[in-house]
Amino acid sequence: MKNNKVSFLGLGVMGYPMAGHLSNAGYDVTVYNRTESKSDSWLKEYKGSKALTPQEAAKDSKIVFACVGNDNDIKEICVGNKGAFLGMDKEAIFVDNTTASANIARELYKTAKDDYSIAFLDAPVSGGEAGAVNGALTVMVGGDTNAFNIAKPYIDAYSQAVTLMGNSGAGQLTKMVNQICIAGLLQGLSEGVKFGVLSGLDIPKVVEVISKGAAGSWQMINRAETMAKEEFNFGFAIELMHKDLQICIEEAAKNNANLPITKIIDEFYKKLIDEGYNRNDTSSLIRLL
């Protein structure tokens, strides 16, 4: 049994199983969630304890993890009223698994280092709900090498790959590249699947054949058949993708990147949200066809 205490802040679709993997790996996990009943549910499944504030949860922890909604949420949980930074020991490490902006990552990195003598890693994840449940997430990290080397064995509990991408903010920027690539790919897959359905093709057989060639992708293997069946309940909601793509578009305005396809797909997601499909997963783009 490891004698290291860690904390996990945010028990949503992703955070709940991620914290569970840390507990199963033998860490002494203290959890915090804004809705306390979620912490109670987690404690019925896993060993650990709960706290009523981020500050209380962070006390005595070597590593504090968080996976929340957006920039405002992570800022509030770190430096808001009874925020985690207030409870952390010097030289402790905060690992932020939220998908947020590079700006908030850099801001919290500087605040953590200058005002609290702690380390901050931006460490967004890819792999969706299934990846979190299976402990097979891909984690892209920005921050200091020393902090990364200490935190990596802990992050390994819920991931299949963990990579330091560069200085503070690099993790979030890498996640933006990830979301940009997925958005365009899903639209192409939607159009291909719909074309196949309207042509009377056997979609499972089509996927079996073309997934072994240049068109193959994770999305094709895991989503093409369910898209054809109009099944869209696979964890990563389009309202979250819309949030992520907005972050990409805002960053592109700063670095002069041209994202014509991303902007179009973002508008498609917004249309689906306006039509009430906000909790459908990202493959529901095919609905618009």
C-alpha atoms as a PDB file:
ATOM      1  CA  MET A   1       0.000   0.000   0.000  1.00  0.00           C
ATOM      2  CA  LYS A   2       1.431   3.336  -1.030  1.00  0.00           C
ATOM      3  CA  ASN A   3       1.582   5.853   1.786  1.00  0.00           C
ATOM      4  CA  ASN A   4       1.043   8.873  -0.481  1.00  0.00           C
ATOM      5  CA  LYS A   5      -2.095  10.924   0.014  1.00  0.00           C
ATOM      6  CA  VAL A   6      -3.637  12.456  -3.094  1.00  0.00           C
ATOM      7  CA  SER A   7      -6.770  14.469  -3.778  1.00  0.00           C
ATOM      8  CA  PHE A   8      -9.215  14.509  -6.662  1.00  0.00           C
ATOM      9  CA  LEU A   9     -11.466  17.521  -7.281  1.00  0.00           C
ATOM     10  CA  GLY A  10     -14.426  17.026  -9.592  1.00  0.00           C
ATOM     11  CA  LEU A  11     -16.298  13.738  -9.914  1.00  0.00           C
ATOM     12  CA  GLY A  12     -17.999  14.151 -13.261  1.00  0.00           C
ATOM     13  CA  VAL A  13     -18.170  11.668 -16.125  1.00  0.00           C
ATOM     14  CA  MET A  14     -14.368  11.658 -16.364  1.00  0.00           C
ATOM     15  CA  GLY A  15     -13.206  12.461 -12.843  1.00  0.00           C
ATOM     16  CA  TYR A  16     -15.307   9.814 -11.094  1.00  0.00           C
ATOM     17  CA  PRO A  17     -13.561   6.795 -12.694  1.00  0.00           C
ATOM     18  CA  MET A  18     -10.170   8.548 -12.798  1.00  0.00           C
ATOM     19  CA  ALA A  19     -10.268   9.028  -9.029  1.00  0.00           C
ATOM     20  CA  GLY A  20     -11.361   5.405  -8.745  1.00  0.00           C
ATOM     21  CA  HIS A  21      -8.274   4.198 -10.598  1.00  0.00           C
ATOM     22  CA  LEU A  22      -6.063   6.147  -8.183  1.00  0.00           C
ATOM     23  CA  SER A  23      -7.807   4.464  -5.260  1.00  0.00           C
ATOM     24  CA  ASN A  24      -7.502   1.034  -6.862  1.00  0.00           C
ATOM     25  CA  ALA A  25      -3.794   1.699  -7.413  1.00  0.00           C
ATOM     26  CA  GLY A  26      -3.352   1.956  -3.659  1.00  0.00           C
ATOM     27  CA  TYR A  27      -3.294   5.715  -3.140  1.00  0.00           C
ATOM     28  CA  ASP A  28      -5.080   7.332  -0.198  1.00  0.00           C
ATOM     29  CA  VAL A  29      -7.580   9.466  -2.137  1.00  0.00           C
ATOM     30  CA  THR A  30      -9.596  12.369  -0.750  1.00  0.00           C
ATOM     31  CA  VAL A  31     -12.343  13.493  -3.125  1.00  0.00           C
ATOM     32  CA  TYR A  32     -14.262  16.739  -3.444  1.00  0.00           C
ATOM     33  CA  ASN A  33     -17.278  17.521  -5.596  1.00  0.00           C
ATOM     34  CA  ARG A  34     -19.565  20.566  -5.551  1.00  0.00           C
ATOM     35  CA  THR A  35     -22.543  18.232  -5.206  1.00  0.00           C
ATOM     36  CA  GLU A  36     -21.638  16.275  -2.072  1.00  0.00           C
ATOM     37  CA  SER A  37     -23.890  13.328  -2.940  1.00  0.00           C
ATOM     38  CA  LYS A  38     -21.516  12.489  -5.813  1.00  0.00           C
ATOM     39  CA  SER A  39     -18.680  12.099  -3.302  1.00  0.00           C
ATOM     40  CA  ASP A  40     -20.915   9.844  -1.204  1.00  0.00           C
ATOM     41  CA  SER A  41     -21.681   7.682  -4.239  1.00  0.00           C
ATOM     42  CA  TRP A  42     -17.972   7.445  -5.068  1.00  0.00           C
ATOM     43  CA  LEU A  43     -17.163   6.326  -1.508  1.00  0.00           C
ATOM     44  CA  LYS A  44     -19.625   3.456  -1.835  1.00  0.00           C
ATOM     45  CA  GLU A  45     -17.510   2.106  -4.722  1.00  0.00           C
ATOM     46  CA  TYR A  46     -13.966   3.016  -3.712  1.00  0.00           C
ATOM     47  CA  LYS A  47     -11.748   3.378  -0.664  1.00  0.00           C
ATOM     48  CA  GLY A  48     -11.003   6.956   0.346  1.00  0.00           C
ATOM     49  CA  SER A  49     -12.456   9.956   2.116  1.00  0.00           C
ATOM     50  CA  LYS A  50     -14.305  13.124   1.181  1.00  0.00           C
ATOM     51  CA  ALA A  51     -13.854  16.810   1.913  1.00  0.00           C
ATOM     52  CA  LEU A  52     -16.360  19.656   1.828  1.00  0.00           C
ATOM     53  CA  THR A  53     -14.042  22.240   0.233  1.00  0.00           C
ATOM     54  CA  PRO A  54     -11.111  22.114  -2.199  1.00  0.00           C
ATOM     55  CA  GLN A  55      -8.876  23.597   0.496  1.00  0.00           C
ATOM     56  CA  GLU A  56      -9.773  20.826   2.925  1.00  0.00           C
ATOM     57  CA  ALA A  57      -9.356  18.155   0.250  1.00  0.00           C
ATOM     58  CA  ALA A  58      -5.874  19.397  -0.699  1.00  0.00           C
ATOM     59  CA  LYS A  59      -4.496  19.350   2.843  1.00  0.00           C
ATOM     60  CA  ASP A  60      -1.419  17.087   3.218  1.00  0.00           C
ATOM     61  CA  SER A  61      -1.712  15.752  -0.361  1.00  0.00           C
ATOM     62  CA  LYS A  62       1.417  15.311  -2.435  1.00  0.00           C
ATOM     63  CA  ILE A  63      -0.581  15.533  -5.675  1.00  0.00           C
ATOM     64  CA  VAL A  64      -3.921  17.296  -6.178  1.00  0.00           C
ATOM     65  CA  PHE A  65      -5.858  16.372  -9.320  1.00  0.00           C
ATOM     66  CA  ALA A  66      -8.785  18.247 -10.813  1.00  0.00           C
ATOM     67  CA  CYS A  67     -11.140  17.562 -13.704  1.00  0.00           C
ATOM     68  CA  VAL A  68     -13.867  20.203 -13.954  1.00  0.00           C
ATOM     69  CA  GLY A  69     -15.733  22.106 -16.664  1.00  0.00           C
ATOM     70  CA  ASN A  70     -14.001  25.222 -17.941  1.00  0.00           C
ATOM     71  CA  ASP A  71     -11.636  28.122 -17.195  1.00  0.00           C
ATOM     72  CA  ASN A  72     -13.904  29.660 -14.573  1.00  0.00           C
ATOM     73  CA  ASP A  73     -14.392  26.337 -12.801  1.00  0.00           C
ATOM     74  CA  ILE A  74     -10.697  25.523 -12.553  1.00  0.00           C
ATOM     75  CA  LYS A  75      -9.825  29.046 -11.401  1.00  0.00           C
ATOM     76  CA  GLU A  76     -12.503  28.912  -8.725  1.00  0.00           C
ATOM     77  CA  ILE A  77     -11.418  25.509  -7.462  1.00  0.00           C
ATOM     78  CA  CYS A  78      -7.761  26.617  -7.296  1.00  0.00           C
ATOM     79  CA  VAL A  79      -7.841  30.181  -5.979  1.00  0.00           C
ATOM     80  CA  GLY A  80     -11.477  30.919  -5.171  1.00  0.00           C
ATOM     81  CA  ASN A  81     -13.049  30.887  -1.702  1.00  0.00           C
ATOM     82  CA  LYS A  82     -11.470  27.947   0.172  1.00  0.00           C
ATOM     83  CA  GLY A  83      -9.577  27.041  -2.997  1.00  0.00           C
ATOM     84  CA  ALA A  84      -7.147  24.148  -3.222  1.00  0.00           C
ATOM     85  CA  PHE A  85      -3.992  26.271  -3.396  1.00  0.00           C
ATOM     86  CA  LEU A  86      -4.722  27.528   0.140  1.00  0.00           C
ATOM     87  CA  GLY A  87      -4.579  23.990   1.488  1.00  0.00           C
ATOM     88  CA  MET A  88      -1.552  22.674  -0.391  1.00  0.00           C
ATOM     89  CA  ASP A  89       1.857  22.150   1.173  1.00  0.00           C
ATOM     90  CA  LYS A  90       4.875  23.835  -0.398  1.00  0.00           C
ATOM     91  CA  GLU A  91       6.311  21.783  -3.292  1.00  0.00           C
ATOM     92  CA  ALA A  92       3.042  19.868  -3.728  1.00  0.00           C
ATOM     93  CA  ILE A  93       1.840  19.454  -7.321  1.00  0.00           C
ATOM     94  CA  PHE A  94      -1.499  20.404  -8.847  1.00  0.00           C
ATOM     95  CA  VAL A  95      -2.440  18.360 -11.935  1.00  0.00           C
ATOM     96  CA  ASP A  96      -5.263  19.886 -13.948  1.00  0.00           C
ATOM     97  CA  ASN A  97      -6.979  17.345 -16.206  1.00  0.00           C
ATOM     98  CA  THR A  98      -9.608  19.878 -17.301  1.00  0.00           C
ATOM     99  CA  THR A  99      -9.734  20.865 -20.962  1.00  0.00           C
ATOM    100  CA  ALA A 100      -9.342  24.619 -20.677  1.00  0.00           C
ATOM    101  CA  SER A 101      -7.463  27.489 -22.321  1.00  0.00           C
ATOM    102  CA  ALA A 102      -3.693  27.826 -22.443  1.00  0.00           C
ATOM    103  CA  ASN A 103      -4.138  31.268 -20.870  1.00  0.00           C
ATOM    104  CA  ILE A 104      -5.699  29.960 -17.653  1.00  0.00           C
ATOM    105  CA  ALA A 105      -3.029  27.251 -17.481  1.00  0.00           C
ATOM    106  CA  ARG A 106      -0.242  29.816 -17.657  1.00  0.00           C
ATOM    107  CA  GLU A 107      -2.001  32.103 -15.192  1.00  0.00           C
ATOM    108  CA  LEU A 108      -2.471  29.366 -12.592  1.00  0.00           C
ATOM    109  CA  TYR A 109       1.064  28.063 -13.169  1.00  0.00           C
ATOM    110  CA  LYS A 110       2.466  31.519 -12.335  1.00  0.00           C
ATOM    111  CA  THR A 111       0.171  32.003  -9.323  1.00  0.00           C
ATOM    112  CA  ALA A 112       1.014  28.550  -7.974  1.00  0.00           C
ATOM    113  CA  LYS A 113       4.756  29.095  -8.352  1.00  0.00           C
ATOM    114  CA  ASP A 114       5.030  32.732  -7.258  1.00  0.00           C
ATOM    115  CA  ASP A 115       2.408  32.944  -4.518  1.00  0.00           C
ATOM    116  CA  TYR A 116       2.226  29.416  -3.091  1.00  0.00           C
ATOM    117  CA  SER A 117       5.558  27.706  -3.966  1.00  0.00           C
ATOM    118  CA  ILE A 118       3.717  24.792  -5.557  1.00  0.00           C
ATOM    119  CA  ALA A 119       3.840  23.291  -9.058  1.00  0.00           C
ATOM    120  CA  PHE A 120       1.029  23.373 -11.606  1.00  0.00           C
ATOM    121  CA  LEU A 121       0.708  21.030 -14.586  1.00  0.00           C
ATOM    122  CA  ASP A 122      -1.914  21.466 -17.302  1.00  0.00           C
ATOM    123  CA  ALA A 123      -2.724  17.888 -18.239  1.00  0.00           C
ATOM    124  CA  PRO A 124      -5.863  17.580 -20.396  1.00  0.00           C
ATOM    125  CA  VAL A 125      -6.905  14.076 -21.397  1.00  0.00           C
ATOM    126  CA  SER A 126      -8.215  12.341 -24.505  1.00  0.00           C
ATOM    127  CA  GLY A 127     -10.120   9.086 -24.708  1.00  0.00           C
ATOM    128  CA  GLY A 128     -13.578  10.047 -23.511  1.00  0.00           C
ATOM    129  CA  GLU A 129     -15.686   8.282 -20.908  1.00  0.00           C
ATOM    130  CA  ALA A 130     -14.607   4.828 -22.101  1.00  0.00           C
ATOM    131  CA  GLY A 131     -10.951   5.782 -21.744  1.00  0.00           C
ATOM    132  CA  ALA A 132     -11.554   7.078 -18.228  1.00  0.00           C
ATOM    133  CA  VAL A 133     -13.492   3.969 -17.176  1.00  0.00           C
ATOM    134  CA  ASN A 134     -10.848   1.648 -18.635  1.00  0.00           C
ATOM    135  CA  GLY A 135      -7.891   3.629 -17.286  1.00  0.00           C
ATOM    136  CA  ALA A 136      -6.656   4.120 -20.842  1.00  0.00           C
ATOM    137  CA  LEU A 137      -6.593   7.886 -21.290  1.00  0.00           C
ATOM    138  CA  THR A 138      -3.964   9.782 -23.240  1.00  0.00           C
ATOM    139  CA  VAL A 139      -2.586  12.682 -21.189  1.00  0.00           C
ATOM    140  CA  MET A 140      -0.766  15.655 -22.732  1.00  0.00           C
ATOM    141  CA  VAL A 141       1.097  17.761 -20.181  1.00  0.00           C
ATOM    142  CA  GLY A 142       2.517  21.271 -19.940  1.00  0.00           C
ATOM    143  CA  GLY A 143       4.783  22.454 -17.130  1.00  0.00           C
ATOM    144  CA  ASP A 144       8.117  21.861 -15.419  1.00  0.00           C
ATOM    145  CA  THR A 145      10.051  18.653 -16.015  1.00  0.00           C
ATOM    146  CA  ASN A 146      10.713  17.944 -12.335  1.00  0.00           C
ATOM    147  CA  ALA A 147       7.033  18.205 -11.411  1.00  0.00           C
ATOM    148  CA  PHE A 148       6.103  16.036 -14.401  1.00  0.00           C
ATOM    149  CA  ASN A 149       8.558  13.305 -13.411  1.00  0.00           C
ATOM    150  CA  ILE A 150       7.108  13.185  -9.893  1.00  0.00           C
ATOM    151  CA  ALA A 151       3.482  13.234 -11.043  1.00  0.00           C
ATOM    152  CA  LYS A 152       3.759  10.767 -13.938  1.00  0.00           C
ATOM    153  CA  PRO A 153       3.613   7.527 -11.872  1.00  0.00           C
ATOM    154  CA  TYR A 154       0.378   8.786 -10.301  1.00  0.00           C
ATOM    155  CA  ILE A 155      -1.115   9.796 -13.675  1.00  0.00           C
ATOM    156  CA  ASP A 156      -0.225   6.323 -14.968  1.00  0.00           C
ATOM    157  CA  ALA A 157      -3.025   4.944 -12.761  1.00  0.00           C
ATOM    158  CA  TYR A 158      -5.680   6.184 -15.198  1.00  0.00           C
ATOM    159  CA  SER A 159      -3.782   6.495 -18.481  1.00  0.00           C
ATOM    160  CA  GLN A 160      -2.162   4.498 -21.264  1.00  0.00           C
ATOM    161  CA  ALA A 161       0.154   7.312 -22.383  1.00  0.00           C
ATOM    162  CA  VAL A 162       1.490  10.407 -20.581  1.00  0.00           C
ATOM    163  CA  THR A 163       3.725  12.864 -22.412  1.00  0.00           C
ATOM    164  CA  LEU A 164       5.322  16.177 -21.407  1.00  0.00           C
ATOM    165  CA  MET A 165       4.649  18.450 -24.379  1.00  0.00           C
ATOM    166  CA  GLY A 166       6.536  21.543 -23.241  1.00  0.00           C
ATOM    167  CA  ASN A 167       6.204  24.528 -20.932  1.00  0.00           C
ATOM    168  CA  SER A 168       3.028  25.621 -19.162  1.00  0.00           C
ATOM    169  CA  GLY A 169       0.107  25.742 -21.606  1.00  0.00           C
ATOM    170  CA  ALA A 170       1.599  23.182 -24.002  1.00  0.00           C
ATOM    171  CA  GLY A 171      -0.730  20.462 -22.730  1.00  0.00           C
ATOM    172  CA  GLN A 172      -3.808  22.561 -23.455  1.00  0.00           C
ATOM    173  CA  LEU A 173      -2.483  23.587 -26.878  1.00  0.00           C
ATOM    174  CA  THR A 174      -1.902  19.921 -27.767  1.00  0.00           C
ATOM    175  CA  LYS A 175      -5.469  19.093 -26.709  1.00  0.00           C
ATOM    176  CA  MET A 176      -6.677  21.848 -29.048  1.00  0.00           C
ATOM    177  CA  VAL A 177      -4.887  20.139 -31.944  1.00  0.00           C
ATOM    178  CA  ASN A 178      -6.597  16.894 -30.877  1.00  0.00           C
ATOM    179  CA  GLN A 179     -10.073  18.459 -30.941  1.00  0.00           C
ATOM    180  CA  ILE A 180      -9.469  20.247 -34.251  1.00  0.00           C
ATOM    181  CA  CYS A 181      -8.505  16.921 -35.870  1.00  0.00           C
ATOM    182  CA  ILE A 182     -11.479  15.064 -34.381  1.00  0.00           C
ATOM    183  CA  ALA A 183     -14.018  17.692 -35.495  1.00  0.00           C
ATOM    184  CA  GLY A 184     -13.143  17.486 -39.179  1.00  0.00           C
ATOM    185  CA  LEU A 185     -12.784  13.712 -39.068  1.00  0.00           C
ATOM    186  CA  LEU A 186     -16.263  13.242 -37.560  1.00  0.00           C
ATOM    187  CA  GLN A 187     -17.882  15.373 -40.247  1.00  0.00           C
ATOM    188  CA  GLY A 188     -16.198  13.329 -42.968  1.00  0.00           C
ATOM    189  CA  LEU A 189     -17.257  10.114 -41.251  1.00  0.00           C
ATOM    190  CA  SER A 190     -20.840  11.402 -40.924  1.00  0.00           C
ATOM    191  CA  GLU A 191     -21.012  12.169 -44.635  1.00  0.00           C
ATOM    192  CA  GLY A 192     -19.478   8.827 -45.589  1.00  0.00           C
ATOM    193  CA  VAL A 193     -21.782   6.779 -43.359  1.00  0.00           C
ATOM    194  CA  LYS A 194     -24.885   8.642 -44.540  1.00  0.00           C
ATOM    195  CA  PHE A 195     -23.818   8.160 -48.159  1.00  0.00           C
ATOM    196  CA  GLY A 196     -23.362   4.437 -47.480  1.00  0.00           C
ATOM    197  CA  VAL A 197     -26.767   4.101 -45.801  1.00  0.00           C
ATOM    198  CA  LEU A 198     -28.542   5.918 -48.642  1.00  0.00           C
ATOM    199  CA  SER A 199     -26.711   3.710 -51.135  1.00  0.00           C
ATOM    200  CA  GLY A 200     -28.038   0.582 -49.438  1.00  0.00           C
ATOM    201  CA  LEU A 201     -24.647  -0.673 -48.325  1.00  0.00           C
ATOM    202  CA  ASP A 202     -24.007  -2.958 -45.348  1.00  0.00           C
ATOM    203  CA  ILE A 203     -22.323  -0.433 -43.032  1.00  0.00           C
ATOM    204  CA  PRO A 204     -20.597  -2.980 -40.731  1.00  0.00           C
ATOM    205  CA  LYS A 205     -19.091  -4.642 -43.821  1.00  0.00           C
ATOM    206  CA  VAL A 206     -18.060  -1.248 -45.223  1.00  0.00           C
ATOM    207  CA  VAL A 207     -16.354  -0.351 -41.932  1.00  0.00           C
ATOM    208  CA  GLU A 208     -14.616  -3.733 -41.800  1.00  0.00           C
ATOM    209  CA  VAL A 209     -13.135  -3.152 -45.235  1.00  0.00           C
ATOM    210  CA  ILE A 210     -12.216   0.534 -45.292  1.00  0.00           C
ATOM    211  CA  SER A 211     -11.034   0.742 -41.654  1.00  0.00           C
ATOM    212  CA  LYS A 212      -8.069  -1.400 -42.719  1.00  0.00           C
ATOM    213  CA  GLY A 213      -7.048   1.160 -45.323  1.00  0.00           C
ATOM    214  CA  ALA A 214      -6.157   4.859 -45.422  1.00  0.00           C
ATOM    215  CA  ALA A 215      -9.605   5.945 -44.195  1.00  0.00           C
ATOM    216  CA  GLY A 216      -9.306   3.988 -40.963  1.00  0.00           C
ATOM    217  CA  SER A 217      -9.509   5.805 -37.611  1.00  0.00           C
ATOM    218  CA  TRP A 218     -10.539   5.302 -33.996  1.00  0.00           C
ATOM    219  CA  GLN A 219     -13.756   7.174 -34.713  1.00  0.00           C
ATOM    220  CA  MET A 220     -14.589   4.928 -37.653  1.00  0.00           C
ATOM    221  CA  ILE A 221     -13.972   1.710 -35.739  1.00  0.00           C
ATOM    222  CA  ASN A 222     -15.860   2.852 -32.641  1.00  0.00           C
ATOM    223  CA  ARG A 223     -18.602   5.124 -33.989  1.00  0.00           C
ATOM    224  CA  ALA A 224     -19.501   4.425 -37.636  1.00  0.00           C
ATOM    225  CA  GLU A 225     -21.916   1.567 -36.929  1.00  0.00           C
ATOM    226  CA  THR A 226     -23.598   3.343 -34.021  1.00  0.00           C
ATOM    227  CA  MET A 227     -23.959   6.470 -36.171  1.00  0.00           C
ATOM    228  CA  ALA A 228     -25.752   4.386 -38.789  1.00  0.00           C
ATOM    229  CA  LYS A 229     -28.085   3.093 -36.051  1.00  0.00           C
ATOM    230  CA  GLU A 230     -28.614   6.647 -34.710  1.00  0.00           C
ATOM    231  CA  GLU A 231     -27.192   5.767 -31.309  1.00  0.00           C
ATOM    232  CA  PHE A 232     -25.549   8.783 -29.696  1.00  0.00           C
ATOM    233  CA  ASN A 233     -25.065   8.019 -26.004  1.00  0.00           C
ATOM    234  CA  PHE A 234     -21.321   7.534 -25.667  1.00  0.00           C
ATOM    235  CA  GLY A 235     -20.171   9.954 -23.003  1.00  0.00           C
ATOM    236  CA  PHE A 236     -18.487  12.979 -24.586  1.00  0.00           C
ATOM    237  CA  ALA A 237     -21.355  15.390 -25.076  1.00  0.00           C
ATOM    238  CA  ILE A 238     -21.442  17.869 -27.938  1.00  0.00           C
ATOM    239  CA  GLU A 239     -21.903  20.754 -25.489  1.00  0.00           C
ATOM    240  CA  LEU A 240     -18.410  19.935 -24.214  1.00  0.00           C
ATOM    241  CA  MET A 241     -17.008  19.665 -27.740  1.00  0.00           C
ATOM    242  CA  HIS A 242     -18.539  23.047 -28.570  1.00  0.00           C
ATOM    243  CA  LYS A 243     -16.794  24.498 -25.515  1.00  0.00           C
ATOM    244  CA  ASP A 244     -13.497  22.947 -26.606  1.00  0.00           C
ATOM    245  CA  LEU A 245     -13.778  24.192 -30.192  1.00  0.00           C
ATOM    246  CA  GLN A 246     -14.517  27.704 -28.961  1.00  0.00           C
ATOM    247  CA  ILE A 247     -11.222  27.550 -27.056  1.00  0.00           C
ATOM    248  CA  CYS A 248      -9.463  26.443 -30.274  1.00  0.00           C
ATOM    249  CA  ILE A 249     -11.006  29.264 -32.303  1.00  0.00           C
ATOM    250  CA  GLU A 250     -10.083  31.871 -29.671  1.00  0.00           C
ATOM    251  CA  GLU A 251      -6.484  30.611 -29.590  1.00  0.00           C
ATOM    252  CA  ALA A 252      -6.332  30.623 -33.404  1.00  0.00           C
ATOM    253  CA  ALA A 253      -7.245  34.307 -33.387  1.00  0.00           C
ATOM    254  CA  LYS A 254      -4.086  34.917 -31.337  1.00  0.00           C
ATOM    255  CA  ASN A 255      -1.619  32.773 -33.287  1.00  0.00           C
ATOM    256  CA  ASN A 256      -3.091  33.566 -36.741  1.00  0.00           C
ATOM    257  CA  ALA A 257      -3.983  29.943 -37.473  1.00  0.00           C
ATOM    258  CA  ASN A 258      -6.667  29.453 -40.112  1.00  0.00           C
ATOM    259  CA  LEU A 259      -9.412  27.030 -38.997  1.00  0.00           C
ATOM    260  CA  PRO A 260     -12.141  27.126 -41.681  1.00  0.00           C
ATOM    261  CA  ILE A 261     -13.345  23.544 -41.174  1.00  0.00           C
ATOM    262  CA  THR A 262     -13.258  23.796 -37.382  1.00  0.00           C
ATOM    263  CA  LYS A 263     -15.421  26.929 -37.478  1.00  0.00           C
ATOM    264  CA  ILE A 264     -17.981  25.221 -39.729  1.00  0.00           C
ATOM    265  CA  ILE A 265     -18.165  22.112 -37.512  1.00  0.00           C
ATOM    266  CA  ASP A 266     -18.486  24.285 -34.419  1.00  0.00           C
ATOM    267  CA  GLU A 267     -21.527  25.945 -36.013  1.00  0.00           C
ATOM    268  CA  PHE A 268     -22.981  22.497 -36.716  1.00  0.00           C
ATOM    269  CA  TYR A 269     -22.555  21.538 -33.057  1.00  0.00           C
ATOM    270  CA  LYS A 270     -24.169  24.797 -31.981  1.00  0.00           C
ATOM    271  CA  LYS A 271     -27.153  24.028 -34.219  1.00  0.00           C
ATOM    272  CA  LEU A 272     -27.519  20.587 -32.613  1.00  0.00           C
ATOM    273  CA  ILE A 273     -27.351  22.165 -29.153  1.00  0.00           C
ATOM    274  CA  ASP A 274     -30.045  24.676 -30.154  1.00  0.00           C
ATOM    275  CA  GLU A 275     -32.193  21.732 -31.294  1.00  0.00           C
ATOM    276  CA  GLY A 276     -31.884  20.105 -27.855  1.00  0.00           C
ATOM    277  CA  TYR A 277     -29.225  17.489 -28.608  1.00  0.00           C
ATOM    278  CA  ASN A 278     -26.617  18.988 -26.255  1.00  0.00           C
ATOM    279  CA  ARG A 279     -26.088  15.702 -24.364  1.00  0.00           C
ATOM    280  CA  ASN A 280     -25.697  13.568 -27.509  1.00  0.00           C
ATOM    281  CA  ASP A 281     -22.121  12.475 -28.161  1.00  0.00           C
ATOM    282  CA  THR A 282     -19.918  14.075 -30.801  1.00  0.00           C
ATOM    283  CA  SER A 283     -20.798  11.542 -33.514  1.00  0.00           C
ATOM    284  CA  SER A 284     -24.325  13.009 -33.649  1.00  0.00           C
ATOM    285  CA  LEU A 285     -23.137  15.383 -36.389  1.00  0.00           C
ATOM    286  CA  ILE A 286     -24.773  12.886 -38.742  1.00  0.00           C
ATOM    287  CA  ARG A 287     -28.184  14.078 -37.492  1.00  0.00           C
ATOM    288  CA  LEU A 288     -27.788  17.216 -39.609  1.00  0.00           C
ATOM    289  CA  LEU A 289     -27.545  15.126 -42.786  1.00  0.00           C
END
